[in-house]
Amino acid sequence: CISATDDSTYYADSVKGRFTISQEFAKNTVVL
């Protein structure tokens, strides 16, 4: 999950260190 307020990110333990979530505002897209 990625927050709109502070851009904090959260990951399930099972994917931590392997997955990265980010926002691409110009493309109105969230990437995993």
Full PDB file with SEQRES, HELIX, SHEET, SSBOND, CRYST1, ORIGX, SCALE, CONECT and MASTER records, all heavy atoms in Angstrom:
SEQRES   1 A   32  CYS ILE SER ALA THR ASP ASP SER THR TYR TYR ALA ASP          
SEQRES   2 A   32  SER VAL LYS GLY ARG PHE THR ILE SER GLN GLU PHE ALA          
SEQRES   3 A   32  LYS ASN THR VAL VAL LEU                                      
HELIX    1 AA1 PHE A   25  LYS A   27  5                                   3    
SHEET    1 AA1 2 SER A  22  GLU A  24  0                                        
SHEET    2 AA1 2 THR A  29  VAL A  31 -1                                        
CRYST1    1.000    1.000    1.000  90.00  90.00  90.00 P 1           1          
ORIGX1      1.000000  0.000000  0.000000        0.00000                         
ORIGX2      0.000000  1.000000  0.000000        0.00000                         
ORIGX3      0.000000  0.000000  1.000000        0.00000                         
SCALE1      1.000000  0.000000  0.000000        0.00000                         
SCALE2      0.000000  1.000000  0.000000        0.00000                         
SCALE3      0.000000  0.000000  1.000000        0.00000                         
ATOM      1  N   CYS A   1       0.848  -1.188   0.000  1.00  0.00           N  
ATOM      2  CA  CYS A   1       0.000   0.000   0.000  1.00  0.00           C  
ATOM      3  C   CYS A   1       0.881   1.235   0.000  1.00  0.00           C  
ATOM      4  O   CYS A   1       1.980   1.226   0.574  1.00  0.00           O  
ATOM      5  CB  CYS A   1      -0.917  -0.004   1.223  1.00  0.00           C  
ATOM      6  SG  CYS A   1      -2.127   1.340   1.267  1.00  0.00           S  
ATOM      7  N   ILE A   2       0.392   2.285  -0.637  1.00  0.00           N  
ATOM      8  CA  ILE A   2       1.088   3.561  -0.618  1.00  0.00           C  
ATOM      9  C   ILE A   2       0.088   4.643  -0.260  1.00  0.00           C  
ATOM     10  O   ILE A   2      -1.015   4.704  -0.799  1.00  0.00           O  
ATOM     11  CB  ILE A   2       1.803   3.847  -1.959  1.00  0.00           C  
ATOM     12  CG1 ILE A   2       2.659   5.108  -1.847  1.00  0.00           C  
ATOM     13  CG2 ILE A   2       0.818   3.941  -3.118  1.00  0.00           C  
ATOM     14  CD1 ILE A   2       3.696   5.223  -2.959  1.00  0.00           C  
ATOM     15  N   SER A   3       0.494   5.498   0.673  1.00  0.00           N  
ATOM     16  CA  SER A   3      -0.380   6.535   1.192  1.00  0.00           C  
ATOM     17  C   SER A   3      -0.287   7.803   0.361  1.00  0.00           C  
ATOM     18  O   SER A   3       0.781   8.155  -0.146  1.00  0.00           O  
ATOM     19  CB  SER A   3      -0.016   6.838   2.650  1.00  0.00           C  
ATOM     20  OG  SER A   3      -0.730   7.948   3.142  1.00  0.00           O  
ATOM     21  N   ALA A   4      -1.408   8.507   0.235  1.00  0.00           N  
ATOM     22  CA  ALA A   4      -1.426   9.782  -0.465  1.00  0.00           C  
ATOM     23  C   ALA A   4      -0.971  10.929   0.419  1.00  0.00           C  
ATOM     24  O   ALA A   4      -0.528  11.960  -0.088  1.00  0.00           O  
ATOM     25  CB  ALA A   4      -2.821  10.073  -1.001  1.00  0.00           C  
ATOM     26  N   THR A   5      -1.072  10.783   1.730  1.00  0.00           N  
ATOM     27  CA  THR A   5      -0.783  11.869   2.640  1.00  0.00           C  
ATOM     28  C   THR A   5       0.705  12.106   2.830  1.00  0.00           C  
ATOM     29  O   THR A   5       1.162  13.247   2.844  1.00  0.00           O  
ATOM     30  CB  THR A   5      -1.430  11.624   4.004  1.00  0.00           C  
ATOM     31  OG1 THR A   5      -1.029  10.347   4.501  1.00  0.00           O  
ATOM     32  CG2 THR A   5      -2.945  11.669   3.882  1.00  0.00           C  
ATOM     33  N   ASP A   6       1.454  11.051   3.008  1.00  0.00           N  
ATOM     34  CA  ASP A   6       2.885  11.179   3.256  1.00  0.00           C  
ATOM     35  C   ASP A   6       3.730  10.247   2.403  1.00  0.00           C  
ATOM     36  O   ASP A   6       4.939  10.143   2.623  1.00  0.00           O  
ATOM     37  CB  ASP A   6       3.205  10.956   4.731  1.00  0.00           C  
ATOM     38  CG  ASP A   6       2.753   9.605   5.243  1.00  0.00           C  
ATOM     39  OD1 ASP A   6       2.284   8.774   4.430  1.00  0.00           O  
ATOM     40  OD2 ASP A   6       2.865   9.358   6.463  1.00  0.00           O  
ATOM     41  N   ASP A   7       3.110   9.573   1.461  1.00  0.00           N  
ATOM     42  CA  ASP A   7       3.781   8.642   0.558  1.00  0.00           C  
ATOM     43  C   ASP A   7       4.423   7.476   1.291  1.00  0.00           C  
ATOM     44  O   ASP A   7       5.330   6.827   0.755  1.00  0.00           O  
ATOM     45  CB  ASP A   7       4.832   9.363  -0.295  1.00  0.00           C  
ATOM     46  CG  ASP A   7       4.233  10.430  -1.178  1.00  0.00           C  
ATOM     47  OD1 ASP A   7       3.081  10.264  -1.620  1.00  0.00           O  
ATOM     48  OD2 ASP A   7       4.924  11.433  -1.441  1.00  0.00           O  
ATOM     49  N   SER A   8       3.961   7.214   2.490  1.00  0.00           N  
ATOM     50  CA  SER A   8       4.449   6.055   3.217  1.00  0.00           C  
ATOM     51  C   SER A   8       4.043   4.786   2.484  1.00  0.00           C  
ATOM     52  O   SER A   8       2.967   4.710   1.892  1.00  0.00           O  
ATOM     53  CB  SER A   8       3.888   6.039   4.638  1.00  0.00           C  
ATOM     54  OG  SER A   8       4.338   7.152   5.381  1.00  0.00           O  
ATOM     55  N   THR A   9       4.908   3.811   2.536  1.00  0.00           N  
ATOM     56  CA  THR A   9       4.646   2.538   1.879  1.00  0.00           C  
ATOM     57  C   THR A   9       4.631   1.414   2.901  1.00  0.00           C  
ATOM     58  O   THR A   9       5.316   1.473   3.923  1.00  0.00           O  
ATOM     59  CB  THR A   9       5.688   2.236   0.803  1.00  0.00           C  
ATOM     60  OG1 THR A   9       7.003   2.258   1.391  1.00  0.00           O  
ATOM     61  CG2 THR A   9       5.629   3.265  -0.306  1.00  0.00           C  
ATOM     62  N   TYR A  10       3.864   0.384   2.589  1.00  0.00           N  
ATOM     63  CA  TYR A  10       3.712  -0.757   3.471  1.00  0.00           C  
ATOM     64  C   TYR A  10       3.748  -2.019   2.641  1.00  0.00           C  
ATOM     65  O   TYR A  10       3.245  -2.053   1.526  1.00  0.00           O  
ATOM     66  CB  TYR A  10       2.395  -0.657   4.250  1.00  0.00           C  
ATOM     67  CG  TYR A  10       2.276   0.617   5.037  1.00  0.00           C  
ATOM     68  CD1 TYR A  10       1.749   1.759   4.457  1.00  0.00           C  
ATOM     69  CD2 TYR A  10       2.721   0.676   6.356  1.00  0.00           C  
ATOM     70  CE1 TYR A  10       1.659   2.946   5.165  1.00  0.00           C  
ATOM     71  CE2 TYR A  10       2.630   1.860   7.073  1.00  0.00           C  
ATOM     72  CZ  TYR A  10       2.102   2.985   6.478  1.00  0.00           C  
ATOM     73  OH  TYR A  10       2.012   4.158   7.181  1.00  0.00           O  
ATOM     74  N   TYR A  11       4.334  -3.056   3.222  1.00  0.00           N  
ATOM     75  CA  TYR A  11       4.482  -4.315   2.523  1.00  0.00           C  
ATOM     76  C   TYR A  11       4.165  -5.474   3.444  1.00  0.00           C  
ATOM     77  O   TYR A  11       4.505  -5.455   4.631  1.00  0.00           O  
ATOM     78  CB  TYR A  11       5.913  -4.486   2.003  1.00  0.00           C  
ATOM     79  CG  TYR A  11       6.341  -3.414   1.039  1.00  0.00           C  
ATOM     80  CD1 TYR A  11       7.015  -2.281   1.489  1.00  0.00           C  
ATOM     81  CD2 TYR A  11       6.072  -3.538  -0.323  1.00  0.00           C  
ATOM     82  CE1 TYR A  11       7.403  -1.295   0.599  1.00  0.00           C  
ATOM     83  CE2 TYR A  11       6.467  -2.543  -1.212  1.00  0.00           C  
ATOM     84  CZ  TYR A  11       7.128  -1.429  -0.749  1.00  0.00           C  
ATOM     85  OH  TYR A  11       7.523  -0.449  -1.625  1.00  0.00           O  
ATOM     86  N   ALA A  12       3.518  -6.458   2.895  1.00  0.00           N  
ATOM     87  CA  ALA A  12       3.351  -7.694   3.622  1.00  0.00           C  
ATOM     88  C   ALA A  12       4.714  -8.333   3.846  1.00  0.00           C  
ATOM     89  O   ALA A  12       5.627  -8.197   3.026  1.00  0.00           O  
ATOM     90  CB  ALA A  12       2.443  -8.648   2.847  1.00  0.00           C  
ATOM     91  N   ASP A  13       4.850  -9.025   4.953  1.00  0.00           N  
ATOM     92  CA  ASP A  13       6.125  -9.654   5.262  1.00  0.00           C  
ATOM     93  C   ASP A  13       6.584 -10.597   4.150  1.00  0.00           C  
ATOM     94  O   ASP A  13       7.785 -10.728   3.893  1.00  0.00           O  
ATOM     95  CB  ASP A  13       6.029 -10.422   6.582  1.00  0.00           C  
ATOM     96  CG  ASP A  13       5.942  -9.516   7.788  1.00  0.00           C  
ATOM     97  OD1 ASP A  13       6.319  -8.330   7.683  1.00  0.00           O  
ATOM     98  OD2 ASP A  13       5.501  -9.993   8.854  1.00  0.00           O  
ATOM     99  N   SER A  14       5.651 -11.219   3.491  1.00  0.00           N  
ATOM    100  CA  SER A  14       5.979 -12.200   2.476  1.00  0.00           C  
ATOM    101  C   SER A  14       6.624 -11.591   1.230  1.00  0.00           C  
ATOM    102  O   SER A  14       7.266 -12.306   0.459  1.00  0.00           O  
ATOM    103  CB  SER A  14       4.729 -12.988   2.073  1.00  0.00           C  
ATOM    104  OG  SER A  14       3.727 -12.121   1.572  1.00  0.00           O  
ATOM    105  N   VAL A  15       6.468 -10.291   1.038  1.00  0.00           N  
ATOM    106  CA  VAL A  15       7.013  -9.649  -0.155  1.00  0.00           C  
ATOM    107  C   VAL A  15       8.037  -8.580   0.173  1.00  0.00           C  
ATOM    108  O   VAL A  15       8.654  -8.024  -0.748  1.00  0.00           O  
ATOM    109  CB  VAL A  15       5.900  -9.038  -1.025  1.00  0.00           C  
ATOM    110  CG1 VAL A  15       4.833 -10.072  -1.338  1.00  0.00           C  
ATOM    111  CG2 VAL A  15       5.282  -7.819  -0.345  1.00  0.00           C  
ATOM    112  N   LYS A  16       8.236  -8.305   1.427  1.00  0.00           N  
ATOM    113  CA  LYS A  16       9.157  -7.252   1.845  1.00  0.00           C  
ATOM    114  C   LYS A  16      10.558  -7.531   1.319  1.00  0.00           C  
ATOM    115  O   LYS A  16      11.075  -8.640   1.444  1.00  0.00           O  
ATOM    116  CB  LYS A  16       9.154  -7.142   3.371  1.00  0.00           C  
ATOM    117  CG  LYS A  16       9.635  -5.824   3.920  1.00  0.00           C  
ATOM    118  CD  LYS A  16       9.361  -5.733   5.428  1.00  0.00           C  
ATOM    119  CE  LYS A  16       7.870  -5.787   5.735  1.00  0.00           C  
ATOM    120  NZ  LYS A  16       7.590  -5.682   7.192  1.00  0.00           N  
ATOM    121  N   GLY A  17      11.156  -6.519   0.734  1.00  0.00           N  
ATOM    122  CA  GLY A  17      12.477  -6.655   0.161  1.00  0.00           C  
ATOM    123  C   GLY A  17      12.484  -7.120  -1.281  1.00  0.00           C  
ATOM    124  O   GLY A  17      13.533  -7.050  -1.944  1.00  0.00           O  
ATOM    125  N   ARG A  18      11.351  -7.582  -1.769  1.00  0.00           N  
ATOM    126  CA  ARG A  18      11.255  -8.063  -3.149  1.00  0.00           C  
ATOM    127  C   ARG A  18      10.351  -7.176  -4.002  1.00  0.00           C  
ATOM    128  O   ARG A  18      10.598  -7.030  -5.196  1.00  0.00           O  
ATOM    129  CB  ARG A  18      10.728  -9.495  -3.186  1.00  0.00           C  
ATOM    130  CG  ARG A  18      11.616 -10.487  -2.444  1.00  0.00           C  
ATOM    131  CD  ARG A  18      11.146 -11.924  -2.674  1.00  0.00           C  
ATOM    132  NE  ARG A  18       9.803 -12.155  -2.143  1.00  0.00           N  
ATOM    133  CZ  ARG A  18       8.760 -12.536  -2.876  1.00  0.00           C  
ATOM    134  NH1 ARG A  18       8.900 -12.731  -4.183  1.00  0.00           N  
ATOM    135  NH2 ARG A  18       7.578 -12.740  -2.302  1.00  0.00           N  
ATOM    136  N   PHE A  19       9.312  -6.629  -3.401  1.00  0.00           N  
ATOM    137  CA  PHE A  19       8.355  -5.798  -4.124  1.00  0.00           C  
ATOM    138  C   PHE A  19       8.548  -4.342  -3.740  1.00  0.00           C  
ATOM    139  O   PHE A  19       8.891  -4.023  -2.595  1.00  0.00           O  
ATOM    140  CB  PHE A  19       6.918  -6.199  -3.788  1.00  0.00           C  
ATOM    141  CG  PHE A  19       6.488  -7.550  -4.295  1.00  0.00           C  
ATOM    142  CD1 PHE A  19       7.391  -8.440  -4.852  1.00  0.00           C  
ATOM    143  CD2 PHE A  19       5.151  -7.918  -4.212  1.00  0.00           C  
ATOM    144  CE1 PHE A  19       6.990  -9.679  -5.313  1.00  0.00           C  
ATOM    145  CE2 PHE A  19       4.738  -9.157  -4.669  1.00  0.00           C  
ATOM    146  CZ  PHE A  19       5.655 -10.043  -5.214  1.00  0.00           C  
ATOM    147  N   THR A  20       8.294  -3.464  -4.684  1.00  0.00           N  
ATOM    148  CA  THR A  20       8.367  -2.033  -4.440  1.00  0.00           C  
ATOM    149  C   THR A  20       7.144  -1.358  -5.043  1.00  0.00           C  
ATOM    150  O   THR A  20       6.833  -1.574  -6.217  1.00  0.00           O  
ATOM    151  CB  THR A  20       9.636  -1.415  -5.045  1.00  0.00           C  
ATOM    152  OG1 THR A  20      10.793  -2.070  -4.519  1.00  0.00           O  
ATOM    153  CG2 THR A  20       9.712   0.072  -4.722  1.00  0.00           C  
ATOM    154  N   ILE A  21       6.454  -0.556  -4.243  1.00  0.00           N  
ATOM    155  CA  ILE A  21       5.295   0.182  -4.726  1.00  0.00           C  
ATOM    156  C   ILE A  21       5.681   1.647  -4.894  1.00  0.00           C  
ATOM    157  O   ILE A  21       6.441   2.192  -4.097  1.00  0.00           O  
ATOM    158  CB  ILE A  21       4.095   0.025  -3.767  1.00  0.00           C  
ATOM    159  CG1 ILE A  21       2.815   0.579  -4.393  1.00  0.00           C  
ATOM    160  CG2 ILE A  21       4.373   0.670  -2.418  1.00  0.00           C  
ATOM    161  CD1 ILE A  21       1.551   0.229  -3.606  1.00  0.00           C  
ATOM    162  N   SER A  22       5.166   2.274  -5.931  1.00  0.00           N  
ATOM    163  CA  SER A  22       5.490   3.663  -6.194  1.00  0.00           C  
ATOM    164  C   SER A  22       4.365   4.325  -6.965  1.00  0.00           C  
ATOM    165  O   SER A  22       3.527   3.656  -7.568  1.00  0.00           O  
ATOM    166  CB  SER A  22       6.815   3.787  -6.956  1.00  0.00           C  
ATOM    167  OG  SER A  22       6.740   3.130  -8.207  1.00  0.00           O  
ATOM    168  N   GLN A  23       4.372   5.642  -6.941  1.00  0.00           N  
ATOM    169  CA  GLN A  23       3.380   6.440  -7.651  1.00  0.00           C  
ATOM    170  C   GLN A  23       4.026   7.111  -8.856  1.00  0.00           C  
ATOM    171  O   GLN A  23       5.131   7.638  -8.759  1.00  0.00           O  
ATOM    172  CB  GLN A  23       2.789   7.514  -6.736  1.00  0.00           C  
ATOM    173  CG  GLN A  23       2.084   6.980  -5.504  1.00  0.00           C  
ATOM    174  CD  GLN A  23       1.987   8.019  -4.410  1.00  0.00           C  
ATOM    175  OE1 GLN A  23       2.942   8.732  -4.127  1.00  0.00           O  
ATOM    176  NE2 GLN A  23       0.819   8.107  -3.779  1.00  0.00           N  
ATOM    177  N   GLU A  24       3.344   7.097  -9.954  1.00  0.00           N  
ATOM    178  CA  GLU A  24       3.737   7.860 -11.132  1.00  0.00           C  
ATOM    179  C   GLU A  24       2.613   8.853 -11.408  1.00  0.00           C  
ATOM    180  O   GLU A  24       1.674   8.557 -12.145  1.00  0.00           O  
ATOM    181  CB  GLU A  24       3.994   6.943 -12.313  1.00  0.00           C  
ATOM    182  CG  GLU A  24       5.155   5.982 -12.088  1.00  0.00           C  
ATOM    183  CD  GLU A  24       5.495   5.157 -13.306  1.00  0.00           C  
ATOM    184  OE1 GLU A  24       4.754   5.211 -14.308  1.00  0.00           O  
ATOM    185  OE2 GLU A  24       6.521   4.443 -13.262  1.00  0.00           O  
ATOM    186  N   PHE A  25       2.725  10.013 -10.803  1.00  0.00           N  
ATOM    187  CA  PHE A  25       1.641  10.978 -10.827  1.00  0.00           C  
ATOM    188  C   PHE A  25       1.309  11.443 -12.231  1.00  0.00           C  
ATOM    189  O   PHE A  25       0.140  11.651 -12.562  1.00  0.00           O  
ATOM    190  CB  PHE A  25       1.982  12.176  -9.933  1.00  0.00           C  
ATOM    191  CG  PHE A  25       1.961  11.874  -8.472  1.00  0.00           C  
ATOM    192  CD1 PHE A  25       3.140  11.632  -7.781  1.00  0.00           C  
ATOM    193  CD2 PHE A  25       0.774  11.829  -7.775  1.00  0.00           C  
ATOM    194  CE1 PHE A  25       3.125  11.347  -6.424  1.00  0.00           C  
ATOM    195  CE2 PHE A  25       0.745  11.550  -6.422  1.00  0.00           C  
ATOM    196  CZ  PHE A  25       1.923  11.303  -5.746  1.00  0.00           C  
ATOM    197  N   ALA A  26       2.324  11.629 -13.053  1.00  0.00           N  
ATOM    198  CA  ALA A  26       2.094  12.112 -14.405  1.00  0.00           C  
ATOM    199  C   ALA A  26       1.267  11.139 -15.222  1.00  0.00           C  
ATOM    200  O   ALA A  26       0.588  11.535 -16.171  1.00  0.00           O  
ATOM    201  CB  ALA A  26       3.423  12.394 -15.102  1.00  0.00           C  
ATOM    202  N   LYS A  27       1.348   9.873 -14.877  1.00  0.00           N  
ATOM    203  CA  LYS A  27       0.614   8.841 -15.593  1.00  0.00           C  
ATOM    204  C   LYS A  27      -0.600   8.343 -14.823  1.00  0.00           C  
ATOM    205  O   LYS A  27      -1.269   7.413 -15.273  1.00  0.00           O  
ATOM    206  CB  LYS A  27       1.538   7.661 -15.902  1.00  0.00           C  
ATOM    207  CG  LYS A  27       2.712   8.009 -16.802  1.00  0.00           C  
ATOM    208  CD  LYS A  27       3.582   6.786 -17.052  1.00  0.00           C  
ATOM    209  CE  LYS A  27       4.754   7.123 -17.955  1.00  0.00           C  
ATOM    210  NZ  LYS A  27       5.621   5.941 -18.192  1.00  0.00           N  
ATOM    211  N   ASN A  28      -0.878   8.962 -13.684  1.00  0.00           N  
ATOM    212  CA  ASN A  28      -1.993   8.531 -12.841  1.00  0.00           C  
ATOM    213  C   ASN A  28      -1.928   7.030 -12.585  1.00  0.00           C  
ATOM    214  O   ASN A  28      -2.924   6.309 -12.722  1.00  0.00           O  
ATOM    215  CB  ASN A  28      -3.333   8.904 -13.476  1.00  0.00           C  
ATOM    216  CG  ASN A  28      -3.517  10.390 -13.636  1.00  0.00           C  
ATOM    217  OD1 ASN A  28      -3.147  11.158 -12.747  1.00  0.00           O  
ATOM    218  ND2 ASN A  28      -4.086  10.811 -14.750  1.00  0.00           N  
ATOM    219  N   THR A  29      -0.750   6.592 -12.192  1.00  0.00           N  
ATOM    220  CA  THR A  29      -0.498   5.166 -12.081  1.00  0.00           C  
ATOM    221  C   THR A  29       0.249   4.839 -10.798  1.00  0.00           C  
ATOM    222  O   THR A  29       1.135   5.578 -10.375  1.00  0.00           O  
ATOM    223  CB  THR A  29       0.317   4.676 -13.290  1.00  0.00           C  
ATOM    224  OG1 THR A  29      -0.426   4.902 -14.490  1.00  0.00           O  
ATOM    225  CG2 THR A  29       0.640   3.196 -13.184  1.00  0.00           C  
ATOM    226  N   VAL A  30      -0.130   3.731 -10.198  1.00  0.00           N  
ATOM    227  CA  VAL A  30       0.636   3.142  -9.115  1.00  0.00           C  
ATOM    228  C   VAL A  30       1.277   1.872  -9.658  1.00  0.00           C  
ATOM    229  O   VAL A  30       0.607   1.044 -10.273  1.00  0.00           O  
ATOM    230  CB  VAL A  30      -0.238   2.830  -7.890  1.00  0.00           C  
ATOM    231  CG1 VAL A  30       0.530   1.964  -6.885  1.00  0.00           C  
ATOM    232  CG2 VAL A  30      -0.687   4.123  -7.224  1.00  0.00           C  
ATOM    233  N   VAL A  31       2.563   1.742  -9.425  1.00  0.00           N  
ATOM    234  CA  VAL A  31       3.326   0.625  -9.949  1.00  0.00           C  
ATOM    235  C   VAL A  31       3.735  -0.296  -8.814  1.00  0.00           C  
ATOM    236  O   VAL A  31       4.133   0.153  -7.739  1.00  0.00           O  
ATOM    237  CB  VAL A  31       4.577   1.124 -10.704  1.00  0.00           C  
ATOM    238  CG1 VAL A  31       5.523  -0.033 -11.026  1.00  0.00           C  
ATOM    239  CG2 VAL A  31       4.171   1.848 -11.972  1.00  0.00           C  
ATOM    240  N   LEU A  32       3.624  -1.576  -9.061  1.00  0.00           N  
ATOM    241  CA  LEU A  32       4.158  -2.584  -8.155  1.00  0.00           C  
ATOM    242  C   LEU A  32       5.237  -3.341  -8.904  1.00  0.00           C  
ATOM    243  O   LEU A  32       4.942  -4.151  -9.782  1.00  0.00           O  
ATOM    244  CB  LEU A  32       3.066  -3.537  -7.664  1.00  0.00           C  
ATOM    245  CG  LEU A  32       3.512  -4.571  -6.628  1.00  0.00           C  
ATOM    246  CD1 LEU A  32       3.862  -3.880  -5.300  1.00  0.00           C  
ATOM    247  CD2 LEU A  32       2.438  -5.624  -6.397  1.00  0.00           C  
TER     248      LEU A  32                                                      
MASTER        0    0    0    1    2    0    0    6  247    1    0    3          
END                                                                             
